[in-house]
């Protein structure tokens, strides 16, 4: 169970970090009225994909009593 929690938290942290860095390093962002996709859109997508992989362990946080029946095969 500890490994599943560690995996989910690390995946969320790493994915969020990659997406955040990709957005703030985009060179075509401005404060204007027109919306423009970030130039590093591929890396933003990769970061969010990794981040959402971490949500697979989210059920353990919300249903702690069922975590042992979900994570182990009896």
Protein backbone atom coordinates (compact mmCIF):
# COMPACT_ATOMS: atom_id res chain seq x y z
CA UNK A 1 0.00 0.00 0.00
CA UNK A 2 2.86 2.35 0.77
CA UNK A 3 4.30 1.79 -2.71
CA UNK A 4 0.98 2.66 -4.35
CA UNK A 5 0.71 5.88 -2.35
CA UNK A 6 4.30 6.77 -3.15
CA UNK A 7 3.78 6.07 -6.86
CA UNK A 8 0.67 8.21 -7.07
CA UNK A 9 2.16 11.18 -5.22
CA UNK A 10 5.42 11.09 -7.19
CA UNK A 11 3.57 10.78 -10.51
CA UNK A 12 1.37 13.77 -9.64
CA UNK A 13 4.37 15.83 -8.51
CA UNK A 14 6.59 15.04 -11.50
CA UNK A 15 3.79 15.48 -14.04
CA UNK A 16 2.71 18.77 -12.52
CA UNK A 17 6.29 20.01 -12.48
CA UNK A 18 6.84 19.11 -16.15
CA UNK A 19 3.59 20.81 -17.21
CA UNK A 20 4.34 23.92 -15.13
CA UNK A 21 7.87 24.31 -16.46
CA UNK A 22 6.66 23.76 -20.02
CA UNK A 23 4.05 26.49 -19.68
CA UNK A 24 6.28 29.13 -18.09
CA UNK A 25 9.07 28.55 -20.63
CA UNK A 26 6.78 29.01 -23.65
CA UNK A 27 7.93 31.93 -25.73
CA UNK A 28 4.64 32.94 -27.35
CA UNK A 29 2.58 33.79 -24.26
CA UNK A 30 1.44 37.37 -23.83
CA UNK A 31 -1.02 39.38 -21.79
CA UNK A 32 -3.10 40.28 -24.83
CA UNK A 33 -6.74 39.55 -25.50
CA UNK A 34 -6.13 36.76 -28.00
CA UNK A 35 -5.62 33.23 -26.75
CA UNK A 36 -2.61 31.36 -28.05
CA UNK A 37 -1.60 27.79 -27.32
CA UNK A 38 1.78 27.50 -25.60
CA UNK A 39 4.67 26.75 -27.92
CA UNK A 40 5.63 23.80 -25.68
CA UNK A 41 2.20 22.20 -26.00
CA UNK A 42 3.67 18.73 -26.49
CA UNK A 43 5.51 18.93 -23.15
CA UNK A 44 2.44 20.31 -21.40
CA UNK A 45 0.51 17.30 -22.70
CA UNK A 46 3.23 14.91 -21.53
CA UNK A 47 3.23 16.52 -18.08
CA UNK A 48 -0.53 16.29 -17.71
CA UNK A 49 -0.48 12.68 -18.92
CA UNK A 50 2.00 11.76 -16.20
CA UNK A 51 0.03 13.78 -13.65
CA UNK A 52 -3.20 11.94 -14.44
CA UNK A 53 -1.44 8.58 -14.11
CA UNK A 54 -1.02 9.48 -10.45
CA UNK A 55 -4.75 9.66 -9.91
CA UNK A 56 -4.92 5.86 -10.11
CA UNK A 57 -3.86 5.79 -6.44
CA UNK A 58 -6.45 8.36 -5.44
CA UNK A 59 -8.97 5.75 -4.31
CA UNK A 60 -6.60 4.75 -1.52
CA UNK A 61 -6.73 8.24 -0.05
CA UNK A 62 -10.53 8.33 -0.07
CA UNK A 63 -11.27 4.73 0.96
CA UNK A 64 -8.42 3.74 3.22
CA UNK A 65 -10.26 0.78 4.76
CA UNK A 66 -10.66 -0.87 1.34
CA UNK A 67 -7.08 -0.26 0.23
CA UNK A 68 -5.84 -3.66 1.38
CA UNK A 69 -8.53 -5.51 -0.60
CA UNK A 70 -7.86 -3.45 -3.72
CA UNK A 71 -4.07 -3.55 -3.74
CA UNK A 72 -3.54 -7.21 -2.77
CA UNK A 73 -4.83 -10.43 -4.24
CA UNK A 74 -6.07 -12.92 -1.64
